[in-house]
Amino acid sequence: MYTDRQGKVRKAIYFNNEDWEKIEKKAALCKLNTTRYIRKSALENYLVFYDLKEISKLVGEVNKVGQNVNQIVRKVHESNNIYKTDVESLRKDYDELCSLICEFFSNLSSSTVL
């Protein structure tokens, strides 16, 4: 790290050619030189990080409901009847899925923001 007399710190950052071209284009669109564009982007923008482990739980529940629907459809085709217990089971799974989706999106809004 290099610090000059005015307290400014100089850092070297390496970009590949493709990324650098994108940065130059974005800086030009903002009518900024690349240094100012990178500085403003780093200091004034924010990043949002999501915990994707929760999505796997949600996907599992969606798959479970899908399997139950397939089983019920198979039974209906085999017997031309649908049983109240099957519909109740499906409703319970659906309600649980809706609850998980609501919980997921409420947790999403409280994700880590930097």
Protein backbone atom coordinates (compact mmCIF):
# COMPACT_ATOMS: atom_id res chain seq x y z
CA MET A 1 0.00 0.00 0.00
CA TYR A 2 1.30 3.43 -0.93
CA THR A 3 0.13 6.57 0.92
CA ASP A 4 1.10 10.00 -0.36
CA ARG A 5 1.47 13.22 1.67
CA GLN A 6 -2.21 14.06 1.33
CA GLY A 7 -3.25 10.76 2.92
CA LYS A 8 -4.43 9.19 -0.32
CA VAL A 9 -3.90 5.44 -0.68
CA ARG A 10 -3.00 3.93 -4.02
CA LYS A 11 -4.06 0.36 -4.83
CA ALA A 12 -3.53 -1.73 -7.95
CA ILE A 13 -6.49 -3.72 -9.27
CA TYR A 14 -6.24 -6.15 -12.17
CA PHE A 15 -9.05 -6.70 -14.69
CA ASN A 16 -9.22 -8.98 -17.69
CA ASN A 17 -9.71 -7.24 -21.04
CA GLU A 18 -13.40 -8.06 -21.30
CA ASP A 19 -14.19 -6.67 -17.83
CA TRP A 20 -12.09 -3.56 -18.45
CA GLU A 21 -13.96 -2.83 -21.68
CA LYS A 22 -17.27 -3.09 -19.82
CA ILE A 23 -16.00 -0.70 -17.14
CA GLU A 24 -14.81 1.79 -19.76
CA LYS A 25 -18.20 1.69 -21.52
CA LYS A 26 -20.11 2.18 -18.27
CA ALA A 27 -17.81 5.01 -17.22
CA ALA A 28 -18.30 6.71 -20.59
CA LEU A 29 -22.09 6.39 -20.27
CA CYS A 30 -21.84 8.13 -16.89
CA LYS A 31 -19.47 10.74 -18.35
CA LEU A 32 -16.80 9.79 -15.78
CA ASN A 33 -13.23 8.69 -16.18
CA THR A 34 -12.63 5.07 -15.19
CA THR A 35 -10.98 5.95 -11.87
CA ARG A 36 -13.93 8.06 -10.71
CA TYR A 37 -16.40 5.46 -11.99
CA ILE A 38 -14.72 2.61 -10.08
CA ARG A 39 -14.43 4.74 -6.92
CA LYS A 40 -18.10 5.80 -7.06
CA SER A 41 -19.22 2.24 -7.79
CA ALA A 42 -17.26 0.83 -4.88
CA LEU A 43 -18.32 3.48 -2.36
CA GLU A 44 -21.86 4.40 -3.34
CA ASN A 45 -23.35 1.14 -4.59
CA TYR A 46 -24.31 -1.69 -2.31
CA LEU A 47 -24.18 -5.45 -2.67
CA VAL A 48 -26.87 -7.82 -1.45
CA PHE A 49 -25.94 -11.35 -0.38
CA TYR A 50 -28.61 -14.04 -0.19
CA ASP A 51 -28.35 -17.26 1.78
CA LEU A 52 -29.16 -19.79 -0.92
CA LYS A 53 -29.40 -22.69 1.57
CA GLU A 54 -32.97 -21.60 2.23
CA ILE A 55 -33.84 -22.04 -1.44
CA SER A 56 -32.93 -25.74 -1.32
CA LYS A 57 -35.44 -26.24 1.51
CA LEU A 58 -38.06 -24.42 -0.54
CA VAL A 59 -37.31 -26.49 -3.64
CA GLY A 60 -37.67 -29.67 -1.57
CA GLU A 61 -41.12 -28.63 -0.41
CA VAL A 62 -42.19 -27.73 -3.95
CA ASN A 63 -41.02 -31.16 -5.14
CA LYS A 64 -42.94 -32.86 -2.33
CA VAL A 65 -46.17 -31.12 -3.30
CA GLY A 66 -45.55 -31.98 -6.95
CA GLN A 67 -45.09 -35.66 -6.09
CA ASN A 68 -48.32 -35.67 -4.08
CA VAL A 69 -50.20 -34.06 -6.97
CA ASN A 70 -48.84 -36.71 -9.34
CA GLN A 71 -49.90 -39.52 -6.98
CA ILE A 72 -53.41 -38.09 -6.67
CA VAL A 73 -53.72 -37.66 -10.44
CA ARG A 74 -52.59 -41.27 -10.92
CA LYS A 75 -55.24 -42.48 -8.42
CA VAL A 76 -57.93 -40.42 -10.13
CA HIS A 77 -57.03 -41.90 -13.52
CA GLU A 78 -56.99 -45.44 -12.10
CA SER A 79 -60.26 -45.27 -10.18
CA ASN A 80 -62.09 -42.23 -11.55
CA ASN A 81 -62.47 -41.18 -7.88
CA ILE A 82 -60.71 -38.70 -5.67
CA TYR A 83 -60.59 -39.21 -1.94
CA LYS A 84 -61.14 -36.53 0.64
CA THR A 85 -57.97 -37.57 2.52
CA ASP A 86 -55.89 -37.05 -0.64
CA VAL A 87 -57.31 -33.57 -1.14
CA GLU A 88 -56.73 -32.72 2.55
CA SER A 89 -53.14 -33.97 2.35
CA LEU A 90 -52.56 -31.90 -0.75
CA ARG A 91 -54.11 -28.82 0.91
CA LYS A 92 -51.88 -29.28 3.99
CA ASP A 93 -48.74 -29.55 1.84
CA TYR A 94 -49.81 -26.55 -0.21
CA ASP A 95 -50.40 -24.43 2.91
CA GLU A 96 -47.00 -25.45 4.28
CA LEU A 97 -45.40 -24.54 0.97
CA CYS A 98 -47.08 -21.12 0.96
CA SER A 99 -45.87 -20.55 4.51
CA LEU A 100 -42.29 -21.45 3.56
CA ILE A 101 -42.40 -19.14 0.54
CA CYS A 102 -43.64 -16.24 2.70
CA GLU A 103 -40.95 -16.97 5.29
CA PHE A 104 -38.30 -17.16 2.58
CA PHE A 105 -39.22 -13.80 1.08
CA SER A 106 -39.47 -12.10 4.46
CA ASN A 107 -35.97 -13.37 5.28
CA LEU A 108 -34.79 -12.24 1.86
CA SER A 109 -35.61 -8.63 2.69
CA SER A 110 -33.39 -8.86 5.77
CA SER A 111 -30.40 -10.23 3.84
CA THR A 112 -26.92 -8.91 4.40
CA VAL A 113 -26.42 -5.62 2.59
CA LEU A 114 -22.93 -4.17 2.21
